[in-house]
Amino acid sequence: MWFFRSPSVVFGEDALSFLNTLDFRKIAIITDENIKKAGLLDMLRKDLPEESESMVVSDIPEEPTLSDIKERVAAVREFAPDLVIGLGGGSSMDAAKSIFTLYERPDLDIYDITPMVKLNLRNKSRLILIPTTSGTGSECTWAAVLSDEDHTRKNELASPEIIADYAILDPALVRKLPGGISRNTAVDAITHAVEARSNQWRNYYSDIFAEKAMELITRSLPVVLKDPDNLAAREEVHVGASMAGTAFSNSQIGLAHAMGHSLGAHFRIPHGITVALYLPQVVEFSETEAKDSYHALMMKMPEKYRKGNLADSLREFFRDVGQPLNIKDCNIDESEYRENMESLISLAEESTGGVTNPREASSSQLKILFENVI
């Protein structure tokens, strides 16, 4: 027996105006300083219900930890909102999910956010997530990632109860997104699509969302990078990224995420870069077990990128958009990378992505995959 889970999705031009149709009176907004400085917080507040009162937590760090969440949830409890909004990239939205959970259930430990624990949320409030990047898919997933206090490990928290009630996808919020962030987040979404379509928990629903996401992103990301003000292309990448998030949220991640999380924890590199770095290697490794899935995805890419197999097609696409294909291009020192090899492998082996990947990897095979990007 399977379940398909997704928030209600509001998308397209002027999607933010949906907020002023809602009947919430006390609204907590979870975001970060960059979003505030970029004026996106002001855009959102203009569309809040006229009679509503709002508070803002605007200091979510790039890689929030458990203590970061605990420090900020106290102010939210005091305000007692009936709506929590997460505005930003994956970190702000994951923080909003975590704060929403601990606000609803002060008695819970953050590590109770697992599929095995009944959380009994939504007695006090509802949750809306609004992405300002096109890639993490967090607005549509039932996962949240928090770092350990020393930032040496990323903890994957998950529960179907932390799926947002609404996800709002407004292309105006990503119109001024810098090229590097546009690329880094979009290749993260491509990784979501590839792993959702091919992992051992894939299903009819995840397949179709993953394939459409691949089509939209690979068709429109190069346009966005050349013409950042092209709102139609922005919308396709934005919607495609959300569809990729829905896809892997209803199946699972794979080995590229397991390896990427490990690299990101060690070298503090943007998540999209780390997972996409390993994706072609993982696709080659898993080809024997996922040939049909990979072919279906390759055929959704523009013809000029197709090179006979998905791994080479991804490399061709990544070269075109400027995604790094080796650690040198990520500004990682080779000797330091090799010194951390055992730890990189160990952390990757702890991730669920290694278990659900179409082909399981031994420690020695993981080492080869890590070494293949040197």
Protein backbone atom coordinates (compact mmCIF):
# COMPACT_ATOMS: atom_id res chain seq x y z
CA MET A 1 0.00 0.00 0.00
CA TRP A 2 1.29 3.43 -1.01
CA PHE A 3 0.28 7.00 -0.26
CA PHE A 4 0.67 10.09 -2.46
CA ARG A 5 1.32 13.17 -0.32
CA SER A 6 1.54 16.78 -1.39
CA PRO A 7 0.55 20.22 -0.11
CA SER A 8 -2.07 22.20 -1.97
CA VAL A 9 0.04 24.09 -4.52
CA VAL A 10 -0.68 27.67 -5.59
CA PHE A 11 1.49 28.64 -8.56
CA GLY A 12 1.95 31.17 -11.30
CA GLU A 13 2.08 34.93 -11.60
CA ASP A 14 0.65 36.76 -8.58
CA ALA A 15 0.39 33.53 -6.57
CA LEU A 16 1.37 35.45 -3.41
CA SER A 17 -1.97 37.25 -3.50
CA PHE A 18 -3.57 33.98 -2.39
CA LEU A 19 -2.44 34.86 1.14
CA ASN A 20 -4.88 37.75 1.46
CA THR A 21 -7.81 35.39 0.84
CA LEU A 22 -7.03 33.41 4.01
CA ASP A 23 -8.57 33.92 7.42
CA PHE A 24 -5.53 33.87 9.72
CA ARG A 25 -5.04 36.53 12.37
CA LYS A 26 -1.59 35.92 13.90
CA ILE A 27 1.16 34.99 11.47
CA ALA A 28 4.75 34.00 12.26
CA ILE A 29 7.15 34.38 9.32
CA ILE A 30 10.38 32.36 9.36
CA THR A 31 13.07 33.63 7.00
CA ASP A 32 16.67 34.88 6.82
CA GLU A 33 18.47 38.21 6.57
CA ASN A 34 19.23 37.89 2.85
CA ILE A 35 15.54 37.47 2.05
CA LYS A 36 14.78 40.53 4.17
CA LYS A 37 17.50 42.60 2.49
CA ALA A 38 16.32 41.57 -0.97
CA GLY A 39 12.87 43.00 -0.27
CA LEU A 40 11.10 39.64 -0.58
CA LEU A 41 9.80 39.81 2.98
CA ASP A 42 8.18 43.16 2.17
CA MET A 43 6.57 41.62 -0.92
CA LEU A 44 5.04 38.89 1.20
CA ARG A 45 3.80 41.20 3.93
CA LYS A 46 1.90 43.32 1.41
CA ASP A 47 -0.26 40.28 0.63
CA LEU A 48 -1.05 39.22 4.20
CA PRO A 49 -4.71 39.45 5.31
CA GLU A 50 -5.54 43.09 6.14
CA GLU A 51 -6.60 42.47 9.74
CA SER A 52 -3.72 40.14 10.55
CA GLU A 53 -0.83 40.69 12.97
CA SER A 54 2.60 39.30 12.12
CA MET A 55 5.94 38.60 13.74
CA VAL A 56 9.17 37.85 11.88
CA VAL A 57 12.04 35.53 12.73
CA SER A 58 14.56 36.79 10.17
CA ASP A 59 17.87 35.35 11.38
CA ILE A 60 17.76 31.72 10.24
CA PRO A 61 21.37 30.70 9.47
CA GLU A 62 22.48 28.98 6.27
CA GLU A 63 22.77 25.62 8.05
CA PRO A 64 20.43 25.71 11.07
CA THR A 65 21.18 23.46 14.03
CA LEU A 66 18.91 22.08 16.73
CA SER A 67 19.98 24.83 19.12
CA ASP A 68 19.17 27.45 16.45
CA ILE A 69 15.64 26.05 16.26
CA LYS A 70 15.19 25.89 20.04
CA GLU A 71 16.33 29.49 20.46
CA ARG A 72 13.85 30.78 17.92
CA VAL A 73 10.81 28.69 18.78
CA ALA A 74 10.50 30.39 22.19
CA ALA A 75 9.53 33.71 20.58
CA VAL A 76 7.03 31.94 18.32
CA ARG A 77 5.38 30.26 21.32
CA GLU A 78 5.04 33.61 23.06
CA PHE A 79 3.41 35.16 19.98
CA ALA A 80 1.06 32.13 19.59
CA PRO A 81 0.36 32.29 15.83
CA ASP A 82 -2.42 30.48 14.01
CA LEU A 83 -0.24 30.38 10.87
CA VAL A 84 3.48 29.73 10.38
CA ILE A 85 5.03 30.77 7.05
CA GLY A 86 8.47 29.63 5.90
CA LEU A 87 9.89 32.06 3.32
CA GLY A 88 13.25 31.40 1.68
CA GLY A 89 15.46 28.57 0.53
CA GLY A 90 15.68 25.08 1.99
CA SER A 91 17.20 26.21 5.29
CA SER A 92 14.41 28.68 6.08
CA MET A 93 11.68 26.27 5.03
CA ASP A 94 13.23 23.35 6.97
CA ALA A 95 13.56 25.65 9.98
CA ALA A 96 9.90 26.63 9.61
CA LYS A 97 8.86 22.96 9.58
CA SER A 98 10.90 22.31 12.73
CA ILE A 99 9.68 25.44 14.53
CA PHE A 100 6.09 24.65 13.54
CA THR A 101 6.45 21.15 15.01
CA LEU A 102 7.98 22.26 18.31
CA TYR A 103 5.49 25.12 18.63
CA GLU A 104 2.63 22.67 18.19
CA ARG A 105 4.21 20.09 20.49
CA PRO A 106 6.57 21.63 23.10
CA ASP A 107 6.89 18.20 24.71
CA LEU A 108 8.55 16.67 21.65
CA ASP A 109 12.24 16.19 21.00
CA ILE A 110 13.27 17.32 17.52
CA TYR A 111 14.42 13.77 16.77
CA ASP A 112 10.82 12.58 17.27
CA ILE A 113 10.23 13.87 13.74
CA THR A 114 10.21 10.41 12.17
CA PRO A 115 7.61 8.46 10.19
CA MET A 116 7.26 6.08 13.16
CA VAL A 117 6.01 8.71 15.64
CA LYS A 118 2.48 10.14 15.56
CA LEU A 119 3.01 13.87 16.06
CA ASN A 120 -0.62 15.05 16.25
CA LEU A 121 0.08 18.49 14.81
CA ARG A 122 -2.27 21.29 13.67
CA ASN A 123 -4.05 21.88 16.96
CA LYS A 124 -2.80 25.48 17.09
CA SER A 125 -1.78 26.51 13.58
CA ARG A 126 -1.21 25.70 9.93
CA LEU A 127 1.96 25.78 7.79
CA ILE A 128 2.61 27.54 4.48
CA LEU A 129 5.95 27.30 2.67
CA ILE A 130 7.05 29.79 0.03
CA PRO A 131 10.33 29.10 -1.80
CA THR A 132 12.58 31.92 -2.98
CA THR A 133 14.93 29.56 -4.83
CA SER A 134 14.07 26.96 -7.46
CA GLY A 135 15.58 23.71 -6.31
CA THR A 136 15.30 22.39 -2.78
CA GLY A 137 11.71 21.21 -3.14
CA SER A 138 11.34 21.57 0.63
CA GLU A 139 7.97 23.28 0.17
CA CYS A 140 6.54 19.96 -1.05
CA THR A 141 8.44 17.40 1.01
CA TRP A 142 7.97 15.77 4.40
CA ALA A 143 11.65 16.09 5.24
CA ALA A 144 13.79 18.65 7.05
CA VAL A 145 17.57 18.76 7.35
CA LEU A 146 19.28 20.16 10.47
CA SER A 147 23.03 20.21 11.10
CA ASP A 148 24.77 18.93 14.21
CA GLU A 149 26.11 21.63 16.51
CA ASP A 150 29.63 21.22 15.11
CA HIS A 151 28.33 21.05 11.51
CA THR A 152 29.99 17.68 10.88
CA ARG A 153 26.74 15.83 10.17
CA LYS A 154 23.41 16.62 8.54
CA ASN A 155 20.40 15.02 10.21
CA GLU A 156 17.54 13.95 7.95
CA LEU A 157 14.24 14.41 9.82
CA ALA A 158 11.01 13.22 8.23
CA SER A 159 7.30 12.91 8.93
CA PRO A 160 4.25 13.17 6.65
CA GLU A 161 2.77 15.52 9.26
CA ILE A 162 5.28 18.27 8.48
CA ILE A 163 4.15 18.61 4.87
CA ALA A 164 2.93 22.16 4.36
CA ASP A 165 -0.78 22.86 4.08
CA TYR A 166 0.01 25.13 1.12
CA ALA A 167 3.05 25.66 -1.08
CA ILE A 168 3.05 28.99 -2.92
CA LEU A 169 5.17 29.22 -6.08
CA ASP A 170 5.37 32.79 -7.33
CA PRO A 171 7.98 33.39 -10.08
CA ALA A 172 8.30 37.03 -8.97
CA LEU A 173 10.14 35.79 -5.87
CA VAL A 174 12.92 34.21 -7.95
CA ARG A 175 13.11 36.83 -10.71
CA LYS A 176 16.23 38.49 -9.27
CA LEU A 177 17.91 35.28 -8.14
CA PRO A 178 21.66 35.44 -9.01
CA GLY A 179 22.89 33.11 -11.73
CA GLY A 180 25.04 30.98 -9.43
CA ILE A 181 22.19 30.31 -7.03
CA SER A 182 19.78 29.71 -9.92
CA ARG A 183 22.13 27.03 -11.21
CA ASN A 184 23.05 25.46 -7.87
CA THR A 185 19.45 25.04 -6.77
CA ALA A 186 18.22 23.82 -10.15
CA VAL A 187 20.85 21.05 -10.39
CA ASP A 188 19.73 19.99 -6.91
CA ALA A 189 16.22 19.63 -8.34
CA ILE A 190 17.56 17.62 -11.28
CA THR A 191 19.22 15.29 -8.77
CA HIS A 192 15.87 14.95 -6.97
CA ALA A 193 14.19 14.05 -10.25
CA VAL A 194 16.81 11.48 -11.26
CA GLU A 195 16.88 9.76 -7.88
CA ALA A 196 13.09 9.85 -7.44
CA ARG A 197 12.62 8.19 -10.85
CA SER A 198 15.17 5.45 -10.26
CA ASN A 199 15.33 4.49 -6.57
CA GLN A 200 13.88 1.31 -5.12
CA TRP A 201 10.76 3.06 -3.77
CA ARG A 202 9.78 4.72 -7.05
CA ASN A 203 6.13 4.47 -8.06
CA TYR A 204 3.64 5.67 -10.68
CA TYR A 205 3.21 9.09 -9.11
CA SER A 206 6.87 9.81 -8.43
CA ASP A 207 7.76 8.68 -11.97
CA ILE A 208 5.50 11.15 -13.72
CA PHE A 209 6.42 14.09 -11.49
CA ALA A 210 10.15 13.33 -11.91
CA GLU A 211 9.94 13.13 -15.68
CA LYS A 212 8.02 16.39 -16.03
CA ALA A 213 10.43 18.11 -13.66
CA MET A 214 13.37 16.94 -15.78
CA GLU A 215 11.70 18.28 -18.92
CA LEU A 216 10.88 21.70 -17.47
CA ILE A 217 14.24 22.32 -15.78
CA THR A 218 16.59 21.14 -18.52
CA ARG A 219 14.56 23.07 -21.11
CA SER A 220 14.40 26.34 -19.21
CA LEU A 221 17.44 26.63 -16.93
CA PRO A 222 19.82 27.56 -19.80
CA VAL A 223 17.31 30.24 -20.81
CA VAL A 224 17.17 31.61 -17.26
CA LEU A 225 20.97 31.79 -17.03
CA LYS A 226 21.17 33.76 -20.31
CA ASP A 227 18.04 35.86 -19.76
CA PRO A 228 17.37 36.17 -15.99
CA ASP A 229 14.28 38.36 -16.51
CA ASN A 230 12.53 35.75 -18.64
CA LEU A 231 9.59 35.15 -16.29
CA ALA A 232 8.12 32.28 -18.32
CA ALA A 233 11.40 30.34 -18.11
CA ARG A 234 11.72 31.23 -14.41
CA GLU A 235 8.27 29.82 -13.79
CA GLU A 236 9.08 26.55 -15.59
CA VAL A 237 12.22 26.01 -13.50
CA HIS A 238 10.37 27.02 -10.32
CA VAL A 239 7.45 24.66 -10.92
CA GLY A 240 9.78 21.92 -12.14
CA ALA A 241 11.84 22.13 -8.96
CA SER A 242 8.70 21.82 -6.87
CA MET A 243 7.58 18.82 -8.91
CA ALA A 244 10.97 17.20 -8.37
CA GLY A 245 10.55 17.78 -4.63
CA THR A 246 7.11 16.17 -4.76
CA ALA A 247 8.61 13.24 -6.68
CA PHE A 248 11.34 12.36 -4.21
CA SER A 249 9.07 13.10 -1.26
CA ASN A 250 6.81 10.33 -2.55
CA SER A 251 9.66 7.92 -3.28
CA GLN A 252 13.15 8.52 -1.90
CA ILE A 253 16.59 9.97 -2.53
CA GLY A 254 19.57 7.94 -3.70
CA LEU A 255 23.30 7.60 -3.39
CA ALA A 256 24.14 11.03 -4.87
CA HIS A 257 22.33 12.62 -1.93
CA ALA A 258 24.05 10.33 0.55
CA MET A 259 27.45 11.33 -0.83
CA GLY A 260 26.51 14.98 -1.30
CA HIS A 261 25.30 15.35 2.29
CA SER A 262 28.59 13.88 3.45
CA LEU A 263 30.68 16.26 1.32
CA GLY A 264 28.60 19.26 2.37
CA ALA A 265 29.01 18.43 6.05
CA HIS A 266 32.80 18.29 5.68
CA PHE A 267 33.47 21.20 3.33
CA ARG A 268 30.45 23.53 3.78
CA ILE A 269 29.69 23.66 0.05
CA PRO A 270 26.18 24.49 -1.25
CA HIS A 271 23.97 21.43 -1.25
CA GLY A 272 23.03 21.59 -4.92
CA ILE A 273 26.67 21.58 -5.99
CA THR A 274 27.54 18.60 -3.80
CA VAL A 275 24.73 16.27 -4.89
CA ALA A 276 25.04 17.11 -8.58
CA LEU A 277 28.81 16.62 -8.39
CA TYR A 278 28.29 12.90 -7.73
CA LEU A 279 25.14 12.37 -9.79
CA PRO A 280 26.76 11.30 -13.10
CA GLN A 281 29.04 8.87 -11.22
CA VAL A 282 26.10 7.37 -9.32
CA VAL A 283 24.05 7.06 -12.52
CA GLU A 284 26.89 5.16 -14.21
CA PHE A 285 27.25 2.92 -11.16
CA SER A 286 23.51 2.19 -11.02
CA GLU A 287 22.90 1.84 -14.76
CA THR A 288 22.47 -1.94 -14.70
CA GLU A 289 19.59 -1.68 -12.21
CA ALA A 290 17.86 1.45 -13.54
CA LYS A 291 18.37 1.42 -17.30
CA ASP A 292 14.71 2.04 -18.22
CA SER A 293 14.31 4.84 -15.68
CA TYR A 294 17.45 6.57 -16.85
CA HIS A 295 16.45 6.28 -20.50
CA ALA A 296 13.02 7.80 -19.77
CA LEU A 297 14.69 10.76 -18.07
CA MET A 298 17.26 11.26 -20.82
CA MET A 299 14.47 11.44 -23.39
CA LYS A 300 12.94 14.36 -21.47
CA MET A 301 16.10 16.41 -21.93
CA PRO A 302 16.56 18.71 -24.97
CA GLU A 303 17.97 16.69 -27.84
CA LYS A 304 21.24 18.65 -27.97
CA TYR A 305 22.23 17.27 -24.56
CA ARG A 306 21.46 13.60 -25.22
CA LYS A 307 24.65 11.55 -25.50
CA GLY A 308 23.45 7.94 -25.57
CA ASN A 309 23.11 7.46 -21.84
CA LEU A 310 21.91 9.58 -18.94
CA ALA A 311 25.29 9.92 -17.21
CA ASP A 312 26.96 11.49 -20.25
CA SER A 313 23.86 13.55 -21.01
CA LEU A 314 23.97 15.00 -17.49
CA ARG A 315 27.67 15.81 -17.88
CA GLU A 316 26.93 17.62 -21.15
CA PHE A 317 24.14 19.61 -19.55
CA PHE A 318 26.17 20.41 -16.43
CA ARG A 319 29.08 21.67 -18.56
CA ASP A 320 26.70 23.93 -20.45
CA VAL A 321 25.26 25.52 -17.29
CA GLY A 322 28.57 25.65 -15.38
CA GLN A 323 27.95 22.96 -12.75
CA PRO A 324 31.28 21.59 -11.36
CA LEU A 325 32.17 18.04 -12.34
CA ASN A 326 35.24 17.62 -10.13
CA ILE A 327 36.47 18.72 -6.71
CA LYS A 328 38.99 21.15 -8.19
CA ASP A 329 36.13 23.18 -9.66
CA CYS A 330 34.55 23.17 -6.18
CA ASN A 331 37.76 24.70 -4.76
CA ILE A 332 38.44 21.62 -2.63
CA ASP A 333 42.07 20.72 -1.99
CA GLU A 334 42.78 17.17 -3.20
CA SER A 335 44.99 16.22 -0.25
CA GLU A 336 42.37 17.42 2.25
CA TYR A 337 39.69 15.53 0.33
CA ARG A 338 41.73 12.32 0.48
CA GLU A 339 42.49 12.84 4.18
CA ASN A 340 38.76 12.90 4.89
CA MET A 341 37.93 9.91 2.68
CA GLU A 342 37.12 7.45 5.47
CA SER A 343 34.83 9.92 7.18
CA LEU A 344 33.15 10.83 3.89
CA ILE A 345 32.41 7.16 3.25
CA SER A 346 31.20 6.56 6.80
CA LEU A 347 28.73 9.44 6.74
CA ALA A 348 27.43 8.44 3.31
CA GLU A 349 26.80 4.91 4.56
CA GLU A 350 24.54 6.28 7.32
CA SER A 351 22.12 7.92 4.87
CA THR A 352 18.89 6.26 3.77
CA GLY A 353 19.85 7.25 0.24
CA GLY A 354 22.38 4.46 0.08
CA VAL A 355 19.75 1.88 1.00
CA THR A 356 17.12 2.98 -1.52
CA ASN A 357 19.52 3.63 -4.40
CA PRO A 358 18.81 1.24 -7.30
CA ARG A 359 22.14 -0.48 -6.64
CA GLU A 360 23.66 -0.71 -3.18
CA ALA A 361 27.32 0.24 -2.81
CA SER A 362 29.92 -1.36 -0.58
CA SER A 363 32.50 0.73 1.25
CA SER A 364 35.08 -0.03 -1.42
CA GLN A 365 32.66 0.92 -4.19
CA LEU A 366 31.80 4.15 -2.40
CA LYS A 367 35.50 4.96 -2.20
CA ILE A 368 35.80 4.58 -5.97
CA LEU A 369 32.78 6.84 -6.51
CA PHE A 370 34.27 9.49 -4.23
CA GLU A 371 37.63 9.21 -5.99
CA ASN A 372 36.09 9.50 -9.47
CA VAL A 373 35.52 13.24 -9.03
CA ILE A 374 39.16 14.03 -8.16
